[in-house]
């Protein structure tokens, strides 16, 4: 069973214009594997480690950052860009 807030968060992800709906976003997260891992970054804002993955979704790659907190995962989906990996 999904938490009540998950639907809202996944809707916000879908609204980023990446062509992902709620089910797609869940599927991408559930299927992450080691070969899609790109790098580990230290957040300038929070001091936390961010784990960056670049999974292929359809014919494109997405840039996915995860921050693992006690009983919480912060997820950020972006279109892959050639720019640096700055915290925004």
Protein backbone atom coordinates (compact mmCIF):
# COMPACT_ATOMS: atom_id res chain seq x y z
CA UNK A 1 0.00 0.00 0.00
CA UNK A 2 1.33 3.44 -0.98
CA UNK A 3 1.49 6.23 1.59
CA UNK A 4 -1.09 8.99 0.96
CA UNK A 5 1.55 11.59 0.16
CA UNK A 6 3.27 9.46 -2.48
CA UNK A 7 0.64 10.11 -5.13
CA UNK A 8 1.06 13.87 -4.71
CA UNK A 9 4.85 13.67 -4.93
CA UNK A 10 4.76 11.43 -7.98
CA UNK A 11 2.31 13.80 -9.66
CA UNK A 12 4.78 16.64 -9.10
CA UNK A 13 7.53 14.52 -10.67
CA UNK A 14 5.29 13.78 -13.65
CA UNK A 15 4.63 17.51 -14.09
CA UNK A 16 8.33 18.14 -14.72
CA UNK A 17 7.70 17.43 -18.39
CA UNK A 18 9.83 14.31 -18.54
CA UNK A 19 7.00 12.24 -19.94
CA UNK A 20 6.76 10.18 -16.74
CA UNK A 21 3.51 9.44 -14.98
CA UNK A 22 3.21 8.15 -11.39
CA UNK A 23 3.58 4.51 -12.39
CA UNK A 24 6.58 5.30 -14.60
CA UNK A 25 8.35 7.12 -11.76
CA UNK A 26 7.74 4.20 -9.37
CA UNK A 27 8.95 1.76 -12.03
CA UNK A 28 12.16 3.73 -12.60
CA UNK A 29 12.88 3.73 -8.85
CA UNK A 30 12.06 0.05 -8.42
CA UNK A 31 14.32 -0.98 -11.31
CA UNK A 32 17.43 1.08 -10.49
CA UNK A 33 20.57 -1.00 -10.71
CA UNK A 34 24.30 -0.58 -10.15
CA UNK A 35 25.07 -0.09 -13.85
CA UNK A 36 22.95 3.10 -13.82
CA UNK A 37 24.91 4.63 -10.94
CA UNK A 38 26.84 7.72 -12.07
CA UNK A 39 28.40 9.31 -8.99
CA UNK A 40 28.09 10.30 -5.36
CA UNK A 41 28.01 14.02 -4.57
CA UNK A 42 28.21 15.92 -1.31
CA UNK A 43 25.33 18.41 -1.04
CA UNK A 44 26.54 21.96 -0.57
CA UNK A 45 23.23 22.90 1.05
CA UNK A 46 22.68 20.07 3.53
CA UNK A 47 26.01 18.26 3.78
CA UNK A 48 24.30 14.99 2.86
CA UNK A 49 25.46 12.49 0.27
CA UNK A 50 23.48 12.48 -2.96
CA UNK A 51 23.54 9.35 -5.07
CA UNK A 52 23.21 10.08 -8.79
CA UNK A 53 21.81 7.57 -11.26
CA UNK A 54 21.21 7.91 -14.99
CA UNK A 55 18.57 5.35 -15.92
CA UNK A 56 17.25 5.07 -19.44
CA UNK A 57 13.54 5.87 -19.72
CA UNK A 58 12.14 5.18 -23.15
CA UNK A 59 14.64 6.61 -25.64
CA UNK A 60 16.13 9.12 -23.19
CA UNK A 61 18.20 9.14 -20.03
CA UNK A 62 17.03 10.89 -16.87
CA UNK A 63 19.22 12.34 -14.17
CA UNK A 64 18.05 10.97 -10.81
CA UNK A 65 19.42 12.12 -7.46
CA UNK A 66 18.61 10.29 -4.22
CA UNK A 67 19.30 11.45 -0.67
CA UNK A 68 18.80 8.78 1.97
CA UNK A 69 17.65 10.01 5.36
CA UNK A 70 16.46 8.09 8.40
CA UNK A 71 13.10 6.69 7.29
CA UNK A 72 13.00 9.02 4.26
CA UNK A 73 14.29 9.11 0.69
CA UNK A 74 14.52 12.43 -1.18
CA UNK A 75 14.18 11.90 -4.92
CA UNK A 76 14.91 14.38 -7.69
CA UNK A 77 14.25 13.62 -11.37
CA UNK A 78 15.77 15.84 -14.08
CA UNK A 79 16.35 15.65 -17.77
CA UNK A 80 19.99 14.80 -18.35
CA UNK A 81 22.00 17.93 -19.01
CA UNK A 82 25.64 18.49 -19.89
CA UNK A 83 25.96 21.10 -17.15
CA UNK A 84 27.60 20.54 -13.77
CA UNK A 85 25.88 18.84 -10.86
CA UNK A 86 25.18 21.89 -8.72
CA UNK A 87 22.62 21.84 -5.91
CA UNK A 88 19.79 24.20 -6.76
